[in-house]
């Protein structure tokens, strides 16, 4: 099984970044269009002014605290989630805000047979540490929402992680297995989880960055950066006929 970086037209079964010489790749967030930043309230502590702002690092610290204070999310190990960003392609504030990509098939399976072909999801490693999920935020778009919307987005994506935390998503009964039959009802539940978290009096410095817009963060820190990785591929391994032939040759 190859652990090297894929060549053009080829996809490795495993993507492994090996610090310190080959760390997880970083990217700087670009503004979709120039925006004037209203002065950011100085009481929102987002770190040292003038130093580049690590969006993914701040999200990770916040998610650690949310999980620790939220019984409904106690099954989550944030260290097994790779937090990254993708650059918004347009200045629209509506559209993709965030997405969670499972790195396993239903039931936590690494491979799955479909129409006679065995498939595997690419596996992501940081050194020897394997991730089970990829959580990607669309920037700067999500940072240009209001604070409540940002918190609901975080809870929305966390709640998608399956109760077994095996790399699969949470699945509900019925036709709409990921969001239930009502998107509005699902988001209402996420808003309740967000309120419950904030009522535990977390350190305001953990979520202060969500109270600023992208332009305000950029004006304060100069650059906003984060981890930027490709979306995982589902890779065909063997057809059932090829697998049977291989078995006969053993």
C-alpha atoms as a PDB file:
ATOM      1  CA  UNK A   1       0.000   0.000   0.000  1.00  0.00           C
ATOM      2  CA  UNK A   2       1.524   3.277  -1.097  1.00  0.00           C
ATOM      3  CA  UNK A   3       1.943   6.069   1.436  1.00  0.00           C
ATOM      4  CA  UNK A   4       3.492   8.497  -1.029  1.00  0.00           C
ATOM      5  CA  UNK A   5       1.812  11.595  -2.383  1.00  0.00           C
ATOM      6  CA  UNK A   6      -0.338  10.803  -5.452  1.00  0.00           C
ATOM      7  CA  UNK A   7       0.960  11.618  -8.924  1.00  0.00           C
ATOM      8  CA  UNK A   8      -1.192  13.377 -11.520  1.00  0.00           C
ATOM      9  CA  UNK A   9      -4.018  10.993 -12.444  1.00  0.00           C
ATOM     10  CA  UNK A  10      -3.155   8.682  -9.546  1.00  0.00           C
ATOM     11  CA  UNK A  11      -4.448   8.554  -5.971  1.00  0.00           C
ATOM     12  CA  UNK A  12      -2.619   7.077  -2.993  1.00  0.00           C
ATOM     13  CA  UNK A  13      -4.604   4.950  -0.570  1.00  0.00           C
ATOM     14  CA  UNK A  14      -2.887   6.773   2.294  1.00  0.00           C
ATOM     15  CA  UNK A  15      -1.956  10.439   2.582  1.00  0.00           C
ATOM     16  CA  UNK A  16       0.620  10.824   5.323  1.00  0.00           C
ATOM     17  CA  UNK A  17       2.182  14.108   6.386  1.00  0.00           C
ATOM     18  CA  UNK A  18       5.346  13.633   8.419  1.00  0.00           C
ATOM     19  CA  UNK A  19       6.407  16.568  10.614  1.00  0.00           C
ATOM     20  CA  UNK A  20       8.729  18.349  10.906  1.00  0.00           C
ATOM     21  CA  UNK A  21       9.990  17.988   7.319  1.00  0.00           C
ATOM     22  CA  UNK A  22       6.609  17.371   5.678  1.00  0.00           C
ATOM     23  CA  UNK A  23       3.937  18.945   7.943  1.00  0.00           C
ATOM     24  CA  UNK A  24       0.259  19.357   7.192  1.00  0.00           C
ATOM     25  CA  UNK A  25       0.038  21.969   4.403  1.00  0.00           C
ATOM     26  CA  UNK A  26      -1.018  25.509   5.318  1.00  0.00           C
ATOM     27  CA  UNK A  27      -2.681  28.187   3.220  1.00  0.00           C
ATOM     28  CA  UNK A  28      -3.493  31.864   3.648  1.00  0.00           C
ATOM     29  CA  UNK A  29      -7.153  32.842   3.318  1.00  0.00           C
ATOM     30  CA  UNK A  30      -7.844  35.415   0.622  1.00  0.00           C
ATOM     31  CA  UNK A  31     -10.682  37.917   0.748  1.00  0.00           C
ATOM     32  CA  UNK A  32     -13.208  37.167  -1.986  1.00  0.00           C
ATOM     33  CA  UNK A  33     -13.388  40.912  -2.473  1.00  0.00           C
ATOM     34  CA  UNK A  34     -11.908  43.812  -0.496  1.00  0.00           C
ATOM     35  CA  UNK A  35     -14.051  44.820   2.468  1.00  0.00           C
ATOM     36  CA  UNK A  36     -13.603  47.681   4.854  1.00  0.00           C
ATOM     37  CA  UNK A  37     -13.212  46.425   8.390  1.00  0.00           C
ATOM     38  CA  UNK A  38     -15.142  48.252  11.062  1.00  0.00           C
ATOM     39  CA  UNK A  39     -12.911  48.661  14.124  1.00  0.00           C
ATOM     40  CA  UNK A  40     -12.818  45.384  16.041  1.00  0.00           C
ATOM     41  CA  UNK A  41     -13.787  45.618  19.714  1.00  0.00           C
ATOM     42  CA  UNK A  42     -10.496  45.422  21.643  1.00  0.00           C
ATOM     43  CA  UNK A  43     -12.052  43.374  24.452  1.00  0.00           C
ATOM     44  CA  UNK A  44     -12.383  40.325  22.148  1.00  0.00           C
ATOM     45  CA  UNK A  45      -9.025  38.624  22.713  1.00  0.00           C
ATOM     46  CA  UNK A  46      -7.940  36.795  19.553  1.00  0.00           C
ATOM     47  CA  UNK A  47      -4.226  36.716  20.286  1.00  0.00           C
ATOM     48  CA  UNK A  48      -1.328  39.067  19.688  1.00  0.00           C
ATOM     49  CA  UNK A  49      -2.165  41.810  17.144  1.00  0.00           C
ATOM     50  CA  UNK A  50       0.112  41.692  14.125  1.00  0.00           C
ATOM     51  CA  UNK A  51       0.732  37.942  14.420  1.00  0.00           C
ATOM     52  CA  UNK A  52      -0.922  35.726  11.751  1.00  0.00           C
ATOM     53  CA  UNK A  53      -4.173  34.178  12.983  1.00  0.00           C
ATOM     54  CA  UNK A  54      -4.310  30.362  13.052  1.00  0.00           C
ATOM     55  CA  UNK A  55      -7.978  29.711  12.259  1.00  0.00           C
ATOM     56  CA  UNK A  56      -7.816  25.906  12.510  1.00  0.00           C
ATOM     57  CA  UNK A  57      -5.877  26.018  15.782  1.00  0.00           C
ATOM     58  CA  UNK A  58      -8.476  28.333  17.332  1.00  0.00           C
ATOM     59  CA  UNK A  59     -11.334  26.140  16.087  1.00  0.00           C
ATOM     60  CA  UNK A  60      -9.669  23.049  17.557  1.00  0.00           C
ATOM     61  CA  UNK A  61      -9.318  24.639  21.010  1.00  0.00           C
ATOM     62  CA  UNK A  62     -12.954  25.758  20.915  1.00  0.00           C
ATOM     63  CA  UNK A  63     -14.220  22.343  19.808  1.00  0.00           C
ATOM     64  CA  UNK A  64     -12.231  20.648  22.585  1.00  0.00           C
ATOM     65  CA  UNK A  65     -14.043  22.835  25.101  1.00  0.00           C
ATOM     66  CA  UNK A  66     -17.469  22.383  23.485  1.00  0.00           C
ATOM     67  CA  UNK A  67     -17.110  18.598  23.565  1.00  0.00           C
ATOM     68  CA  UNK A  68     -15.914  18.627  27.173  1.00  0.00           C
ATOM     69  CA  UNK A  69     -18.926  20.685  28.295  1.00  0.00           C
ATOM     70  CA  UNK A  70     -21.622  19.036  26.121  1.00  0.00           C
ATOM     71  CA  UNK A  71     -22.921  15.602  27.204  1.00  0.00           C
ATOM     72  CA  UNK A  72     -24.538  15.031  23.795  1.00  0.00           C
ATOM     73  CA  UNK A  73     -21.077  15.244  22.202  1.00  0.00           C
ATOM     74  CA  UNK A  74     -19.095  13.310  24.801  1.00  0.00           C
ATOM     75  CA  UNK A  75     -18.359  10.518  22.295  1.00  0.00           C
ATOM     76  CA  UNK A  76     -16.186  12.838  20.168  1.00  0.00           C
ATOM     77  CA  UNK A  77     -12.380  12.833  20.240  1.00  0.00           C
ATOM     78  CA  UNK A  78     -11.433  16.138  18.611  1.00  0.00           C
ATOM     79  CA  UNK A  79      -7.861  14.919  18.072  1.00  0.00           C
ATOM     80  CA  UNK A  80      -9.188  12.429  15.499  1.00  0.00           C
ATOM     81  CA  UNK A  81     -10.734  15.258  13.452  1.00  0.00           C
ATOM     82  CA  UNK A  82      -8.592  16.985  10.838  1.00  0.00           C
ATOM     83  CA  UNK A  83      -9.735  20.627  10.803  1.00  0.00           C
ATOM     84  CA  UNK A  84      -9.086  22.467   7.542  1.00  0.00           C
ATOM     85  CA  UNK A  85     -10.430  25.214   5.311  1.00  0.00           C
ATOM     86  CA  UNK A  86     -11.354  25.668   1.688  1.00  0.00           C
ATOM     87  CA  UNK A  87     -11.263  29.016  -0.089  1.00  0.00           C
ATOM     88  CA  UNK A  88     -14.664  30.456  -1.018  1.00  0.00           C
ATOM     89  CA  UNK A  89     -14.902  30.913  -4.770  1.00  0.00           C
ATOM     90  CA  UNK A  90     -17.303  33.847  -4.609  1.00  0.00           C
ATOM     91  CA  UNK A  91     -17.995  36.751  -2.234  1.00  0.00           C
ATOM     92  CA  UNK A  92     -21.529  35.507  -1.539  1.00  0.00           C
ATOM     93  CA  UNK A  93     -22.307  35.067   2.151  1.00  0.00           C
ATOM     94  CA  UNK A  94     -24.807  32.302   1.324  1.00  0.00           C
ATOM     95  CA  UNK A  95     -23.692  28.870   0.211  1.00  0.00           C
ATOM     96  CA  UNK A  96     -21.418  26.239   1.719  1.00  0.00           C
ATOM     97  CA  UNK A  97     -20.384  27.176   5.263  1.00  0.00           C
ATOM     98  CA  UNK A  98     -18.739  23.943   6.424  1.00  0.00           C
ATOM     99  CA  UNK A  99     -18.813  20.233   5.758  1.00  0.00           C
ATOM    100  CA  UNK A 100     -17.711  17.108   7.569  1.00  0.00           C
ATOM    101  CA  UNK A 101     -16.310  14.265   5.462  1.00  0.00           C
ATOM    102  CA  UNK A 102     -16.264  10.775   7.002  1.00  0.00           C
ATOM    103  CA  UNK A 103     -13.109   8.755   6.394  1.00  0.00           C
ATOM    104  CA  UNK A 104     -14.917   5.452   6.778  1.00  0.00           C
ATOM    105  CA  UNK A 105     -17.956   3.852   5.173  1.00  0.00           C
ATOM    106  CA  UNK A 106     -21.209   3.144   7.096  1.00  0.00           C
ATOM    107  CA  UNK A 107     -20.542   1.091  10.195  1.00  0.00           C
ATOM    108  CA  UNK A 108     -16.954   2.299  10.353  1.00  0.00           C
ATOM    109  CA  UNK A 109     -15.847  -0.029   7.553  1.00  0.00           C
ATOM    110  CA  UNK A 110     -12.637   0.837   5.713  1.00  0.00           C
ATOM    111  CA  UNK A 111     -13.785  -0.778   2.459  1.00  0.00           C
ATOM    112  CA  UNK A 112     -17.118  -1.299   0.753  1.00  0.00           C
ATOM    113  CA  UNK A 113     -18.251  -3.451  -2.175  1.00  0.00           C
ATOM    114  CA  UNK A 114     -20.482  -1.747  -4.717  1.00  0.00           C
ATOM    115  CA  UNK A 115     -21.558  -3.196  -8.062  1.00  0.00           C
ATOM    116  CA  UNK A 116     -18.798  -5.764  -7.943  1.00  0.00           C
ATOM    117  CA  UNK A 117     -16.022  -3.260  -7.142  1.00  0.00           C
ATOM    118  CA  UNK A 118     -14.259  -2.957  -3.790  1.00  0.00           C
ATOM    119  CA  UNK A 119     -13.695   0.660  -2.724  1.00  0.00           C
ATOM    120  CA  UNK A 120     -11.640   2.305   0.020  1.00  0.00           C
ATOM    121  CA  UNK A 121     -11.722   5.867   1.354  1.00  0.00           C
ATOM    122  CA  UNK A 122      -8.314   7.545   1.418  1.00  0.00           C
ATOM    123  CA  UNK A 123      -6.756   7.434   4.888  1.00  0.00           C
ATOM    124  CA  UNK A 124      -5.230  10.599   6.361  1.00  0.00           C
ATOM    125  CA  UNK A 125      -2.299  10.545   8.793  1.00  0.00           C
ATOM    126  CA  UNK A 126      -0.255  13.172  10.585  1.00  0.00           C
ATOM    127  CA  UNK A 127       2.812  11.090  11.346  1.00  0.00           C
ATOM    128  CA  UNK A 128       1.416   7.931  12.949  1.00  0.00           C
ATOM    129  CA  UNK A 129      -1.789   9.665  14.055  1.00  0.00           C
ATOM    130  CA  UNK A 130      -4.795   8.709  11.904  1.00  0.00           C
ATOM    131  CA  UNK A 131      -7.817  10.942  11.467  1.00  0.00           C
ATOM    132  CA  UNK A 132     -11.368   9.621  11.237  1.00  0.00           C
ATOM    133  CA  UNK A 133     -13.035  12.776   9.930  1.00  0.00           C
ATOM    134  CA  UNK A 134     -12.174  15.836   7.872  1.00  0.00           C
ATOM    135  CA  UNK A 135     -13.977  19.008   9.022  1.00  0.00           C
ATOM    136  CA  UNK A 136     -13.667  21.773   6.425  1.00  0.00           C
ATOM    137  CA  UNK A 137     -14.758  25.405   6.768  1.00  0.00           C
ATOM    138  CA  UNK A 138     -15.425  27.652   3.796  1.00  0.00           C
ATOM    139  CA  UNK A 139     -13.468  30.867   4.330  1.00  0.00           C
ATOM    140  CA  UNK A 140     -13.886  33.739   4.494  1.00  0.00           C
ATOM    141  CA  UNK A 141     -17.623  33.047   4.068  1.00  0.00           C
ATOM    142  CA  UNK A 142     -18.323  31.412   7.423  1.00  0.00           C
ATOM    143  CA  UNK A 143     -16.473  34.179   9.276  1.00  0.00           C
ATOM    144  CA  UNK A 144     -18.779  36.769   7.734  1.00  0.00           C
ATOM    145  CA  UNK A 145     -21.865  35.299   9.429  1.00  0.00           C
ATOM    146  CA  UNK A 146     -23.127  36.534  12.789  1.00  0.00           C
ATOM    147  CA  UNK A 147     -21.912  34.932  16.016  1.00  0.00           C
ATOM    148  CA  UNK A 148     -25.035  32.796  16.542  1.00  0.00           C
ATOM    149  CA  UNK A 149     -24.830  31.437  13.010  1.00  0.00           C
ATOM    150  CA  UNK A 150     -21.162  30.502  13.478  1.00  0.00           C
ATOM    151  CA  UNK A 151     -21.873  28.650  16.725  1.00  0.00           C
ATOM    152  CA  UNK A 152     -24.789  26.756  15.167  1.00  0.00           C
ATOM    153  CA  UNK A 153     -22.546  25.807  12.235  1.00  0.00           C
ATOM    154  CA  UNK A 154     -19.936  24.344  14.613  1.00  0.00           C
ATOM    155  CA  UNK A 155     -22.539  22.342  16.519  1.00  0.00           C
ATOM    156  CA  UNK A 156     -24.232  21.288  13.290  1.00  0.00           C
ATOM    157  CA  UNK A 157     -21.042  19.669  11.990  1.00  0.00           C
ATOM    158  CA  UNK A 158     -20.076  18.111  15.331  1.00  0.00           C
ATOM    159  CA  UNK A 159     -23.506  16.517  15.703  1.00  0.00           C
ATOM    160  CA  UNK A 160     -23.048  14.773  12.346  1.00  0.00           C
ATOM    161  CA  UNK A 161     -20.278  12.618  13.843  1.00  0.00           C
ATOM    162  CA  UNK A 162     -21.640   9.158  14.560  1.00  0.00           C
ATOM    163  CA  UNK A 163     -22.313   8.070  18.176  1.00  0.00           C
ATOM    164  CA  UNK A 164     -19.786   5.245  17.765  1.00  0.00           C
ATOM    165  CA  UNK A 165     -17.199   7.778  16.530  1.00  0.00           C
ATOM    166  CA  UNK A 166     -15.888   5.186  14.093  1.00  0.00           C
ATOM    167  CA  UNK A 167     -15.398   7.398  11.048  1.00  0.00           C
ATOM    168  CA  UNK A 168     -19.054   7.184   9.984  1.00  0.00           C
ATOM    169  CA  UNK A 169     -21.777   9.833  10.288  1.00  0.00           C
ATOM    170  CA  UNK A 170     -24.787   9.935  12.585  1.00  0.00           C
ATOM    171  CA  UNK A 171     -27.706   8.399  10.730  1.00  0.00           C
ATOM    172  CA  UNK A 172     -31.386   8.974  11.504  1.00  0.00           C
ATOM    173  CA  UNK A 173     -34.382   6.822  10.667  1.00  0.00           C
ATOM    174  CA  UNK A 174     -36.301   7.549   7.511  1.00  0.00           C
ATOM    175  CA  UNK A 175     -35.541   9.083   4.147  1.00  0.00           C
ATOM    176  CA  UNK A 176     -33.556  12.061   5.462  1.00  0.00           C
ATOM    177  CA  UNK A 177     -30.984  10.095   7.413  1.00  0.00           C
ATOM    178  CA  UNK A 178     -28.425  12.884   7.904  1.00  0.00           C
ATOM    179  CA  UNK A 179     -30.619  15.875   8.866  1.00  0.00           C
ATOM    180  CA  UNK A 180     -33.899  14.138   9.813  1.00  0.00           C
ATOM    181  CA  UNK A 181     -37.074  15.155   7.970  1.00  0.00           C
ATOM    182  CA  UNK A 182     -36.770  18.823   8.973  1.00  0.00           C
ATOM    183  CA  UNK A 183     -33.646  20.921   8.408  1.00  0.00           C
ATOM    184  CA  UNK A 184     -35.263  23.694  10.452  1.00  0.00           C
ATOM    185  CA  UNK A 185     -35.866  21.378  13.395  1.00  0.00           C
ATOM    186  CA  UNK A 186     -32.308  20.064  13.154  1.00  0.00           C
ATOM    187  CA  UNK A 187     -30.882  23.595  13.272  1.00  0.00           C
ATOM    188  CA  UNK A 188     -33.170  24.472  16.181  1.00  0.00           C
ATOM    189  CA  UNK A 189     -31.659  21.559  18.105  1.00  0.00           C
ATOM    190  CA  UNK A 190     -28.166  22.788  17.240  1.00  0.00           C
ATOM    191  CA  UNK A 191     -29.052  26.286  18.475  1.00  0.00           C
ATOM    192  CA  UNK A 192     -30.169  24.739  21.754  1.00  0.00           C
ATOM    193  CA  UNK A 193     -26.865  22.870  22.080  1.00  0.00           C
ATOM    194  CA  UNK A 194     -25.000  26.130  21.415  1.00  0.00           C
ATOM    195  CA  UNK A 195     -27.010  27.970  24.100  1.00  0.00           C
ATOM    196  CA  UNK A 196     -26.428  25.161  26.576  1.00  0.00           C
ATOM    197  CA  UNK A 197     -22.685  25.359  25.951  1.00  0.00           C
ATOM    198  CA  UNK A 198     -22.545  29.142  26.395  1.00  0.00           C
ATOM    199  CA  UNK A 199     -24.538  28.852  29.624  1.00  0.00           C
ATOM    200  CA  UNK A 200     -21.663  26.827  31.139  1.00  0.00           C
ATOM    201  CA  UNK A 201     -19.595  30.068  31.157  1.00  0.00           C
ATOM    202  CA  UNK A 202     -16.672  28.980  28.953  1.00  0.00           C
ATOM    203  CA  UNK A 203     -13.576  31.165  28.697  1.00  0.00           C
ATOM    204  CA  UNK A 204     -14.622  34.052  26.359  1.00  0.00           C
ATOM    205  CA  UNK A 205     -11.182  33.973  24.732  1.00  0.00           C
ATOM    206  CA  UNK A 206     -12.028  30.566  23.225  1.00  0.00           C
ATOM    207  CA  UNK A 207     -14.844  31.918  21.057  1.00  0.00           C
ATOM    208  CA  UNK A 208     -13.803  35.588  20.777  1.00  0.00           C
ATOM    209  CA  UNK A 209     -12.646  35.085  17.174  1.00  0.00           C
ATOM    210  CA  UNK A 210     -16.194  34.131  16.173  1.00  0.00           C
ATOM    211  CA  UNK A 211     -17.367  37.585  17.236  1.00  0.00           C
ATOM    212  CA  UNK A 212     -15.201  39.241  14.567  1.00  0.00           C
ATOM    213  CA  UNK A 213     -15.623  39.247  10.807  1.00  0.00           C
ATOM    214  CA  UNK A 214     -12.934  38.010   8.465  1.00  0.00           C
ATOM    215  CA  UNK A 215     -12.012  41.610   7.579  1.00  0.00           C
ATOM    216  CA  UNK A 216     -11.640  42.464  11.274  1.00  0.00           C
ATOM    217  CA  UNK A 217      -9.419  39.442  11.920  1.00  0.00           C
ATOM    218  CA  UNK A 218      -7.347  40.235   8.863  1.00  0.00           C
ATOM    219  CA  UNK A 219      -7.008  43.881   9.888  1.00  0.00           C
ATOM    220  CA  UNK A 220      -5.928  42.899  13.401  1.00  0.00           C
ATOM    221  CA  UNK A 221      -3.578  40.035  12.520  1.00  0.00           C
ATOM    222  CA  UNK A 222      -2.439  40.797   8.977  1.00  0.00           C
ATOM    223  CA  UNK A 223      -3.059  37.212   7.775  1.00  0.00           C
ATOM    224  CA  UNK A 224      -5.568  34.473   8.492  1.00  0.00           C
ATOM    225  CA  UNK A 225      -4.211  31.013   7.727  1.00  0.00           C
ATOM    226  CA  UNK A 226      -5.148  27.391   8.240  1.00  0.00           C
ATOM    227  CA  UNK A 227      -4.648  23.798   7.170  1.00  0.00           C
ATOM    228  CA  UNK A 228      -5.558  23.164   3.544  1.00  0.00           C
ATOM    229  CA  UNK A 229      -5.748  19.567   2.305  1.00  0.00           C
ATOM    230  CA  UNK A 230      -7.482  17.883  -0.643  1.00  0.00           C
ATOM    231  CA  UNK A 231     -10.877  16.326  -0.159  1.00  0.00           C
ATOM    232  CA  UNK A 232     -10.475  12.541   0.283  1.00  0.00           C
ATOM    233  CA  UNK A 233     -11.160  10.283  -2.676  1.00  0.00           C
ATOM    234  CA  UNK A 234     -13.017   6.990  -2.773  1.00  0.00           C
ATOM    235  CA  UNK A 235     -10.633   4.682  -4.609  1.00  0.00           C
ATOM    236  CA  UNK A 236     -11.516   1.451  -6.443  1.00  0.00           C
ATOM    237  CA  UNK A 237      -9.349  -1.480  -5.373  1.00  0.00           C
ATOM    238  CA  UNK A 238     -10.378  -4.717  -7.106  1.00  0.00           C
ATOM    239  CA  UNK A 239     -13.418  -5.936  -8.969  1.00  0.00           C
ATOM    240  CA  UNK A 240     -14.975  -9.080  -7.561  1.00  0.00           C
ATOM    241  CA  UNK A 241     -13.757 -11.013 -10.649  1.00  0.00           C
ATOM    242  CA  UNK A 242     -10.169  -9.798 -10.186  1.00  0.00           C
ATOM    243  CA  UNK A 243     -10.318 -10.677  -6.491  1.00  0.00           C
ATOM    244  CA  UNK A 244     -11.526 -14.214  -7.310  1.00  0.00           C
ATOM    245  CA  UNK A 245      -8.721 -14.619  -9.865  1.00  0.00           C
ATOM    246  CA  UNK A 246      -6.150 -13.463  -7.315  1.00  0.00           C
ATOM    247  CA  UNK A 247      -7.489 -15.997  -4.818  1.00  0.00           C
ATOM    248  CA  UNK A 248      -7.171 -18.818  -7.350  1.00  0.00           C
ATOM    249  CA  UNK A 249      -3.532 -17.902  -8.041  1.00  0.00           C
ATOM    250  CA  UNK A 250      -2.478 -18.117  -4.415  1.00  0.00           C
END
